[in-house]
Structures are given as C-alpha cells and as structure tokens.
Amino acid sequence: MGKSIISEGKTSTEAIEKGLKELKCRKEDVDIKIIENEDKRSFFSILEPRVVKVELTLKESKEKEHFHEKEFKEPSDDEVNNCEENLEKFLNDFSKTVNNLSFNCEIKDKNIYVELSGEKASELIGYRGETINAMQTLLNAIGNRNNQNRVKVILDIANYKEKREETLRELARKLEKTVKRNGKKIILEPMNSYERKIIHTELQDSKYVTTYSIGEEPRRKVVIDKK
C-alpha cells in the first residue's frame, strides 16, 4: 500500500491541495478519501470552526516514482566508448552542414560532455534553450544506440547552460522575496526538468517559501508558495 497522510482544510478542495503539496505530487497520483465532509455538520457543531479531513494515499506506481530512486546500472567502458564513437560520427557529418562549427567530446565519470562552438553555434541554442534541449535529447538517443545501459550525454553551446543556471538562480531568489512580501504563490512558465531542478535546489533551504511542480510534460511548471 502507498504512503498515506491526513490533511485538513476549511473545504475539501483546500484539504486536498495541502495534502498534494505535502506529498509533492499531482491529484491523479493519489487516491482520495473524505474522512469528515463539510456538509455533514450537526446542529450542535454549527458554531465550531469548520474542518474537513481527507486521506490521500499515493498510488503504488507513484510511490516508487516519488520516494525511491530508479534502478540505474552504470554503463561499461565499452558502452561509454561506443557512445562517444556514435556521437563523433554524427557530429562530424552534422558540423559539415553548419559553417565553421566545431565540436569537442570529453568523458568525465562515464558521462560524455559535448561542446559546440563556432560563428553560427549560438543559433543552435534557440528561444530559451528549446533547440539545445532538443539537440541534447537527440544526441542521447544517437549516442546510446546499441547500448544496454544508458550513458548520459550533456550538451553545451557557448557556455549557455552556466549562464542560464545563473539567471534562474537569480530569478528564484527574486521571486522568493516577492512571495515573502505579498504572501501569494507564483507559477512560473513551463520549464524542462533540468531548469525546474535548478529552481527547486536554489530554494530548498528557504525559510520563507516552498516549491513544487504542477502540470504535465512538456508544460510542467514550478510553483513558488509561501510556507
């Protein structure tokens, strides 16, 4: 059976939202049971503060997804080398289609870091990193062809990711102050999992706000809410 919690609120909606925030999951990830309904109030309790209790139970598949690390087998040296060979073959052909584009592949801790550079390289970043993120997904698929265990491929262009990370961290701290000041939650625009993680990590030790994600990929968003 999945993890269960009891959540309270003035209405069932409020109680459920509080419970989802505590579990850091979505409504479809849980089974919900109303323990005390706001409509079932006796004459003698009418003057008492209204409290609705709900029980939220994380579904079995989601229990594993949210609270346990996925099983991961480290790739072998042969798989890492195969991934690098696949990438270099593809990038050699790809670089011929873009003027003055060059690339470098470097293996660190069995991950492969790919750096693209050149006059036209920055054009491959795209609006807020959409193109570079799509290219990274493509390179992971190409590099891991015929591999049983996945080698992680990390792509960067013109030091974009370091700059983007710094921008997101500054944004997170700025929005933390805004939420602390006015007490209203802020829902950010959709981000990929890499960028959402930067926001979550930057604010995980905040005394004033908490963060969680809502929505479905690829439109999943980070919410910054007051503690």
Protein backbone atom coordinates (compact mmCIF):
# COMPACT_ATOMS: atom_id res chain seq x y z
CA MET A 1 0.00 0.00 0.00
CA GLY A 2 1.25 3.50 -0.81
CA LYS A 3 2.14 6.28 1.60
CA SER A 4 -0.91 7.90 3.26
CA ILE A 5 -1.40 11.23 5.00
CA ILE A 6 -4.33 13.03 6.64
CA SER A 7 -4.82 16.61 5.52
CA GLU A 8 -7.19 19.27 6.89
CA GLY A 9 -8.78 22.41 5.49
CA LYS A 10 -11.87 24.59 5.59
CA THR A 11 -13.08 22.83 2.43
CA SER A 12 -12.26 19.51 0.80
CA THR A 13 -10.51 21.37 -2.03
CA GLU A 14 -8.25 23.20 0.40
CA ALA A 15 -7.51 20.00 2.32
CA ILE A 16 -6.63 18.13 -0.88
CA GLU A 17 -4.37 20.93 -2.13
CA LYS A 18 -2.49 20.95 1.18
CA GLY A 19 -2.06 17.20 1.02
CA LEU A 20 -0.80 17.26 -2.56
CA LYS A 21 1.69 19.96 -1.64
CA GLU A 22 2.96 17.87 1.29
CA LEU A 23 3.32 14.77 -0.88
CA LYS A 24 4.74 16.85 -3.75
CA CYS A 25 2.60 15.11 -6.33
CA ARG A 26 -0.41 15.62 -8.59
CA LYS A 27 -4.07 14.82 -7.93
CA GLU A 28 -4.05 11.93 -10.39
CA ASP A 29 -1.18 10.33 -8.43
CA VAL A 30 -3.28 9.71 -5.31
CA ASP A 31 -6.47 8.02 -4.08
CA ILE A 32 -8.60 10.47 -2.08
CA LYS A 33 -10.99 9.61 0.74
CA ILE A 34 -13.11 12.23 2.53
CA ILE A 35 -12.99 11.46 6.25
CA GLU A 36 -15.02 14.42 7.51
CA ASN A 37 -17.20 16.21 4.98
CA GLU A 38 -18.04 19.89 5.30
CA ASP A 39 -21.70 19.10 4.50
CA LYS A 40 -22.13 16.67 7.39
CA ARG A 41 -22.38 19.02 10.35
CA SER A 42 -24.76 18.62 13.25
CA PHE A 43 -26.82 21.39 14.85
CA PHE A 44 -24.59 21.29 17.94
CA SER A 45 -21.37 21.70 15.96
CA ILE A 46 -22.57 24.54 13.75
CA LEU A 47 -20.68 27.16 15.75
CA GLU A 48 -17.43 25.21 15.78
CA PRO A 49 -14.70 26.06 13.24
CA ARG A 50 -15.28 24.14 10.02
CA VAL A 51 -12.65 21.46 9.44
CA VAL A 52 -12.62 18.96 6.59
CA LYS A 53 -10.31 15.96 6.80
CA VAL A 54 -9.20 13.95 3.78
CA GLU A 55 -6.94 10.96 3.44
CA LEU A 56 -4.54 10.96 0.49
CA THR A 57 -2.87 7.68 -0.45
CA LEU A 58 -0.10 7.68 -3.01
CA LYS A 59 -0.76 5.11 -5.71
CA GLU A 60 1.67 2.20 -5.75
CA SER A 61 3.38 3.10 -9.03
CA LYS A 62 3.75 6.72 -7.92
CA GLU A 63 5.10 5.65 -4.52
CA LYS A 64 8.11 4.20 -6.26
CA GLU A 65 8.41 7.16 -8.62
CA HIS A 66 8.39 9.81 -5.89
CA PHE A 67 10.16 8.17 -2.99
CA HIS A 68 12.66 5.70 -4.42
CA GLU A 69 15.50 6.21 -6.80
CA LYS A 70 15.05 4.44 -10.09
CA GLU A 71 17.31 1.48 -10.58
CA PHE A 72 20.35 2.57 -12.52
CA LYS A 73 23.17 0.43 -13.81
CA GLU A 74 26.45 2.10 -14.56
CA PRO A 75 27.47 1.76 -18.21
CA SER A 76 30.58 -0.24 -19.01
CA ASP A 77 33.72 1.29 -20.50
CA ASP A 78 32.82 -0.32 -23.83
CA GLU A 79 29.38 1.32 -23.75
CA VAL A 80 30.91 4.71 -22.99
CA ASN A 81 33.37 4.28 -25.87
CA ASN A 82 30.56 3.16 -28.18
CA CYS A 83 28.54 6.23 -27.22
CA GLU A 84 31.49 8.52 -27.96
CA GLU A 85 32.07 6.86 -31.35
CA ASN A 86 28.38 7.24 -32.28
CA LEU A 87 28.43 10.90 -31.29
CA GLU A 88 31.62 11.74 -33.15
CA LYS A 89 30.37 10.07 -36.32
CA PHE A 90 27.10 12.01 -36.19
CA LEU A 91 28.72 15.33 -35.23
CA ASN A 92 31.33 15.02 -37.99
CA ASP A 93 28.52 14.87 -40.54
CA PHE A 94 26.42 17.49 -38.78
CA SER A 95 29.26 20.04 -38.49
CA LYS A 96 29.65 19.98 -42.28
CA THR A 97 26.15 21.45 -42.64
CA VAL A 98 26.92 24.48 -40.42
CA ASN A 99 29.69 26.89 -41.40
CA ASN A 100 32.71 26.94 -39.07
CA LEU A 101 31.02 24.68 -36.50
CA SER A 102 33.36 22.60 -34.37
CA PHE A 103 32.75 20.18 -31.53
CA ASN A 104 34.55 18.52 -28.66
CA CYS A 105 33.57 15.39 -26.74
CA GLU A 106 35.01 14.75 -23.30
CA ILE A 107 34.39 11.78 -20.98
CA LYS A 108 34.05 12.54 -17.26
CA ASP A 109 32.82 9.98 -14.71
CA LYS A 110 31.31 7.90 -17.53
CA ASN A 111 29.28 10.86 -18.77
CA ILE A 112 30.04 12.49 -22.12
CA TYR A 113 30.17 16.27 -22.33
CA VAL A 114 29.72 17.74 -25.81
CA GLU A 115 30.67 21.35 -26.53
CA LEU A 116 29.72 23.05 -29.80
CA SER A 117 31.49 26.24 -30.86
CA GLY A 118 31.81 28.49 -33.90
CA GLU A 119 30.30 31.56 -35.52
CA LYS A 120 26.86 30.02 -36.01
CA ALA A 121 26.87 27.86 -32.88
CA SER A 122 24.77 30.27 -30.80
CA GLU A 123 21.95 29.95 -33.33
CA LEU A 124 21.55 26.34 -32.17
CA ILE A 125 20.53 27.44 -28.67
CA GLY A 126 17.05 28.58 -29.65
CA TYR A 127 14.48 30.55 -27.70
CA ARG A 128 15.21 29.97 -24.00
CA GLY A 129 17.18 26.85 -24.86
CA GLU A 130 14.46 24.98 -26.74
CA THR A 131 16.79 23.95 -29.57
CA ILE A 132 19.75 22.99 -27.40
CA ASN A 133 17.48 20.88 -25.18
CA ALA A 134 16.03 19.12 -28.22
CA MET A 135 19.54 18.52 -29.58
CA GLN A 136 20.67 17.06 -26.27
CA THR A 137 17.76 14.59 -26.36
CA LEU A 138 18.73 13.67 -29.92
CA LEU A 139 22.40 13.18 -29.00
CA ASN A 140 21.45 10.93 -26.09
CA ALA A 141 19.40 8.75 -28.44
CA ILE A 142 22.14 8.61 -31.09
CA GLY A 143 24.98 8.07 -28.64
CA ASN A 144 23.28 5.22 -26.79
CA ARG A 145 22.40 3.26 -29.92
CA ASN A 146 23.17 -0.43 -29.25
CA ASN A 147 23.90 0.27 -25.57
CA GLN A 148 22.10 -1.73 -22.91
CA ASN A 149 22.93 0.76 -20.15
CA ARG A 150 22.49 4.46 -20.77
CA VAL A 151 25.43 6.86 -20.98
CA LYS A 152 24.43 10.41 -20.10
CA VAL A 153 25.23 12.98 -22.78
CA ILE A 154 25.37 16.65 -21.72
CA LEU A 155 25.40 19.28 -24.45
CA ASP A 156 26.51 22.90 -24.08
CA ILE A 157 26.88 25.68 -26.61
CA ALA A 158 28.83 28.90 -25.99
CA ASN A 159 28.65 28.33 -22.22
CA TYR A 160 24.86 28.75 -22.41
CA LYS A 161 23.95 26.38 -19.57
CA GLU A 162 26.17 28.05 -16.99
CA LYS A 163 24.71 31.45 -17.89
CA ARG A 164 21.15 30.09 -17.87
CA GLU A 165 21.70 28.45 -14.49
CA GLU A 166 22.93 31.73 -13.00
CA THR A 167 19.90 33.55 -14.46
CA LEU A 168 17.46 31.01 -12.98
CA ARG A 169 19.09 31.16 -9.56
CA GLU A 170 18.82 34.94 -9.53
CA LEU A 171 15.17 34.65 -10.64
CA ALA A 172 14.42 32.15 -7.86
CA ARG A 173 15.79 34.47 -5.15
CA LYS A 174 13.97 37.47 -6.60
CA LEU A 175 10.64 35.60 -6.62
CA GLU A 176 11.30 34.30 -3.10
CA LYS A 177 11.34 37.91 -1.89
CA THR A 178 8.16 38.68 -3.85
CA VAL A 179 6.26 35.73 -2.34
CA LYS A 180 7.55 36.53 1.13
CA ARG A 181 6.37 40.13 0.77
CA ASN A 182 2.86 39.62 -0.62
CA GLY A 183 2.11 36.07 0.52
CA LYS A 184 0.82 34.99 -2.91
CA LYS A 185 2.15 31.99 -4.78
CA ILE A 186 3.81 32.43 -8.16
CA ILE A 187 3.51 29.96 -11.02
CA LEU A 188 6.43 30.09 -13.42
CA GLU A 189 6.26 29.44 -17.15
CA PRO A 190 6.79 25.84 -18.34
CA MET A 191 10.35 24.56 -17.93
CA ASN A 192 12.18 21.32 -18.66
CA SER A 193 13.21 19.06 -15.79
CA TYR A 194 16.80 20.41 -15.77
CA GLU A 195 15.65 24.00 -15.25
CA ARG A 196 12.95 23.08 -12.72
CA LYS A 197 15.59 21.28 -10.67
CA ILE A 198 17.71 24.45 -10.54
CA ILE A 199 14.77 26.41 -9.04
CA HIS A 200 13.92 23.64 -6.55
CA THR A 201 17.55 23.26 -5.47
CA GLU A 202 18.12 27.01 -5.07
CA LEU A 203 15.10 27.39 -2.75
CA GLN A 204 15.12 24.04 -0.97
CA ASP A 205 16.57 25.57 2.22
CA SER A 206 14.45 28.74 2.13
CA LYS A 207 12.87 29.77 5.43
CA TYR A 208 10.05 31.57 3.66
CA VAL A 209 8.91 29.58 0.61
CA THR A 210 8.40 26.07 -0.66
CA THR A 211 8.45 24.86 -4.27
CA TYR A 212 6.66 22.10 -6.16
CA SER A 213 5.77 21.28 -9.76
CA ILE A 214 2.37 21.06 -11.44
CA GLY A 215 1.10 20.05 -14.88
CA GLU A 216 2.18 17.50 -17.46
CA GLU A 217 5.30 17.38 -19.59
CA PRO A 218 6.29 19.29 -21.62
CA ARG A 219 4.18 22.06 -19.99
CA ARG A 220 5.19 21.27 -16.39
CA LYS A 221 5.66 24.38 -14.22
CA VAL A 222 7.29 25.28 -10.91
CA VAL A 223 5.16 26.86 -8.18
CA ILE A 224 6.77 29.04 -5.50
CA ASP A 225 4.47 29.31 -2.47
CA LYS A 226 4.77 30.80 1.00
CA LYS A 227 5.48 28.35 3.84
